[in-house]
Protein backbone atom coordinates (compact mmCIF):
# COMPACT_ATOMS: atom_id res chain seq x y z
CA MET A 1 34.11 0.52 5.17
CA SER A 2 30.38 1.09 4.85
CA ASN A 3 29.22 2.99 1.82
CA ASN A 4 26.02 4.90 2.60
CA LYS A 5 25.95 6.93 -0.59
CA VAL A 6 22.88 6.99 -2.79
CA ILE A 7 22.12 8.69 -6.07
CA HIS A 8 18.98 10.80 -6.37
CA ALA A 9 17.98 10.90 -10.04
CA ILE A 10 15.15 13.38 -10.56
CA TYR A 11 12.79 13.19 -13.55
CA ASN A 12 9.98 15.46 -14.70
CA ASP A 13 7.95 12.91 -16.69
CA ASP A 14 6.53 9.55 -15.63
CA ASP A 15 7.19 7.88 -19.00
CA ILE A 16 10.87 8.87 -18.84
CA LEU A 17 10.95 7.58 -15.24
CA MET A 18 9.53 4.20 -16.34
CA ASP A 19 12.18 3.87 -19.06
CA ALA A 20 14.88 4.88 -16.57
CA VAL A 21 13.70 2.27 -14.05
CA LYS A 22 13.86 -0.42 -16.75
CA GLN A 23 17.34 0.71 -17.84
CA THR A 24 18.51 0.80 -14.22
CA ARG A 25 17.25 -2.74 -13.57
CA ASN A 26 18.87 -3.97 -16.80
CA ALA A 27 22.16 -2.42 -15.66
CA HIS A 28 21.78 -4.37 -12.36
CA HIS A 29 21.72 -1.30 -10.10
CA HIS A 30 19.73 -1.63 -6.87
CA ILE A 31 16.77 0.78 -6.72
CA GLU A 32 16.18 1.69 -3.07
CA GLU A 33 12.95 3.64 -3.60
CA VAL A 34 11.03 5.73 -6.13
CA PHE A 35 9.13 8.83 -4.95
CA THR A 36 6.27 10.04 -7.16
CA PRO A 37 3.59 12.76 -6.79
CA PHE A 38 0.89 10.31 -7.96
CA PRO A 39 0.63 6.55 -8.49
CA VAL A 40 2.41 5.46 -11.67
CA HIS A 41 0.75 2.45 -13.29
CA GLY A 42 3.17 -0.46 -13.75
CA LEU A 43 5.98 1.06 -11.68
CA ASP A 44 5.89 -1.71 -9.08
CA LYS A 45 6.25 -4.35 -11.79
CA ALA A 46 9.04 -2.40 -13.52
CA MET A 47 10.90 -2.15 -10.18
CA GLY A 48 10.53 -5.90 -9.65
CA LEU A 49 8.53 -5.59 -6.43
CA ALA A 50 6.65 -8.65 -5.16
CA PRO A 51 2.85 -8.54 -5.43
CA THR A 52 1.04 -7.25 -2.37
CA ARG A 53 -0.69 -9.59 0.08
CA LEU A 54 -3.22 -6.98 1.18
CA ALA A 55 -6.02 -8.75 -0.72
CA ILE A 56 -5.52 -11.81 1.49
CA CYS A 57 -5.83 -9.58 4.55
CA ALA A 58 -9.02 -8.04 3.15
CA PHE A 59 -10.57 -11.50 2.72
CA ILE A 60 -9.59 -12.54 6.26
CA TYR A 61 -10.93 -9.28 7.72
CA GLY A 62 -14.19 -9.73 5.79
CA CYS A 63 -14.55 -13.26 7.21
CA ILE A 64 -13.96 -11.89 10.71
CA GLY A 65 -16.66 -9.25 10.12
CA LEU A 66 -19.10 -11.87 8.86
CA SER A 67 -18.38 -14.06 11.91
CA VAL A 68 -18.85 -11.16 14.33
CA ALA A 69 -22.12 -10.18 12.62
CA THR A 70 -23.44 -13.75 12.76
CA TRP A 71 -22.50 -14.19 16.42
CA MET A 72 -23.84 -10.74 17.35
CA MET A 73 -27.24 -11.23 15.67
CA ASN A 74 -27.63 -14.76 17.02
CA PHE A 75 -26.84 -13.55 20.53
CA ILE A 76 -28.94 -10.37 20.43
CA MET A 77 -31.99 -11.51 18.41
CA ILE A 78 -32.21 -15.22 19.34
CA SER A 79 -30.56 -15.86 22.72
CA ASP A 80 -30.51 -12.65 24.76
CA TRP A 81 -33.66 -10.74 23.77
CA PRO A 82 -35.90 -12.74 21.39
CA GLN A 83 -38.81 -10.74 20.01
CA ASP A 84 -41.92 -11.67 18.07
CA ILE A 85 -41.83 -9.13 15.23
CA GLY A 86 -44.85 -9.18 12.91
CA GLY A 87 -45.85 -12.68 14.01
CA LYS A 88 -42.44 -14.14 13.15
CA PRO A 89 -41.03 -15.73 16.32
CA SER A 90 -37.27 -16.06 16.75
CA PHE A 91 -36.83 -19.79 17.40
CA SER A 92 -33.62 -20.18 15.41
CA TYR A 93 -31.04 -18.10 13.58
CA ILE A 94 -31.45 -20.04 10.32
CA GLN A 95 -35.21 -19.29 10.12
CA ASN A 96 -34.52 -15.55 10.44
CA MET A 97 -31.32 -15.35 8.41
CA PRO A 98 -32.86 -13.69 5.30
CA ALA A 99 -33.67 -10.67 7.46
CA PHE A 100 -30.06 -10.61 8.73
CA VAL A 101 -28.33 -10.66 5.30
CA PRO A 102 -28.03 -6.84 4.97
CA VAL A 103 -26.45 -6.60 8.42
CA MET A 104 -24.05 -9.46 7.58
CA PHE A 105 -23.02 -7.72 4.36
CA GLU A 106 -22.51 -4.34 6.02
CA MET A 107 -20.44 -5.78 8.89
CA THR A 108 -18.28 -7.70 6.38
CA VAL A 109 -17.55 -4.49 4.47
CA PHE A 110 -17.11 -2.45 7.68
CA PHE A 111 -14.51 -4.82 9.15
CA ALA A 112 -12.64 -5.28 5.87
CA ALA A 113 -12.44 -1.52 5.19
CA HIS A 114 -11.46 -0.38 8.66
CA LEU A 115 -8.96 -3.14 9.37
CA MET A 116 -7.42 -2.69 5.90
CA VAL A 117 -6.76 1.00 6.64
CA ILE A 118 -5.14 0.10 9.96
CA THR A 119 -3.06 -2.65 8.28
CA PHE A 120 -1.96 -0.30 5.50
CA TYR A 121 -0.79 2.39 7.94
CA MET A 122 1.01 -0.14 10.15
CA ARG A 123 2.68 -1.86 7.16
CA SER A 124 3.73 1.52 5.74
CA ARG A 125 4.94 2.65 9.17
CA LEU A 126 2.74 5.75 8.99
CA TRP A 127 2.15 6.70 12.62
CA PRO A 128 0.50 9.89 13.84
CA PHE A 129 2.99 12.78 14.03
CA LYS A 130 5.61 10.87 12.01
CA GLN A 131 8.17 13.04 10.24
CA ALA A 132 8.08 12.86 6.44
CA GLU A 133 10.83 10.79 4.82
CA ASN A 134 10.50 12.49 1.45
CA PRO A 135 14.01 13.44 0.22
CA ASP A 136 12.87 16.25 -2.10
CA VAL A 137 9.73 18.37 -1.75
CA ARG A 138 9.30 18.56 -5.53
CA THR A 139 8.19 14.92 -5.54
CA THR A 140 4.92 16.01 -3.90
CA ASP A 141 4.20 18.34 -6.83
CA ASP A 142 5.56 17.51 -10.27
CA HIS A 143 8.89 15.62 -10.11
CA PHE A 144 9.84 11.96 -9.74
CA LEU A 145 12.85 10.79 -7.74
CA MET A 146 14.64 7.46 -8.04
CA GLU A 147 16.99 6.58 -5.18
CA VAL A 148 19.72 4.12 -6.17
CA ALA A 149 22.50 2.69 -4.00
CA VAL A 150 26.02 3.63 -5.19
CA LYS A 151 28.00 0.52 -6.10
CA GLY A 152 31.21 0.79 -8.10
CA ASP A 153 32.31 3.95 -9.89
CA GLU A 154 30.29 6.92 -8.68
CA ASN A 155 31.04 9.16 -11.70
CA GLU A 156 30.08 6.39 -14.12
CA MET A 157 26.75 5.96 -12.34
CA VAL A 158 26.05 9.72 -12.39
CA SER A 159 26.64 9.84 -16.16
CA PHE A 160 24.47 6.70 -16.58
CA PHE A 161 21.52 8.42 -14.86
CA LYS A 162 22.01 11.65 -16.81
CA ASN A 163 21.75 9.55 -19.98
CA THR A 164 18.44 8.05 -18.79
CA GLY A 165 16.80 11.47 -19.06
CA ALA A 166 17.20 12.74 -15.50
CA VAL A 167 16.87 16.51 -15.17
CA GLU A 168 19.05 16.43 -12.04
CA VAL A 169 21.39 13.84 -10.51
CA LYS A 170 22.76 14.21 -6.97
CA VAL A 171 24.98 11.98 -4.85
CA ILE A 172 23.78 11.99 -1.23
CA GLU A 173 25.36 10.57 1.93
CA LYS A 174 22.56 8.70 3.67
CA HIS A 175 22.49 8.23 7.44
């Protein structure tokens, strides 16, 4: 027998939501997801989520951008089409590197920013034309929804969430 029921506890204040998340974790209920109309500071820590590794990706993407910039400028300005600009011949990349620093910086930022956006959308599974997975439209305006898996006595869990300050508690059959 597979139990696909979840409880949707809806709150109208982020401070009440934070207290409810802490109470829910202390009661050892599994929080599936929390839907909020704006980022709530500290919610990820209160839910017990692991820290993100996106910063590592940003560093790697920046290094790739710096490498591409270095290779590109060395190829274009030194190997392929060397030019004598203002009496400064292009004999080596190192001699001309101070002039290339702004380009190196900009390419580092460009690669990090654009690849981070792509990584974020792929990691979040946000594809073009994807249907919204939001269970209640009010969570895009002024309400907060905590989705918790039903384990044990359903009525006891409903009363537990009403006592946490929820303005509405619904039991939903999830597909």
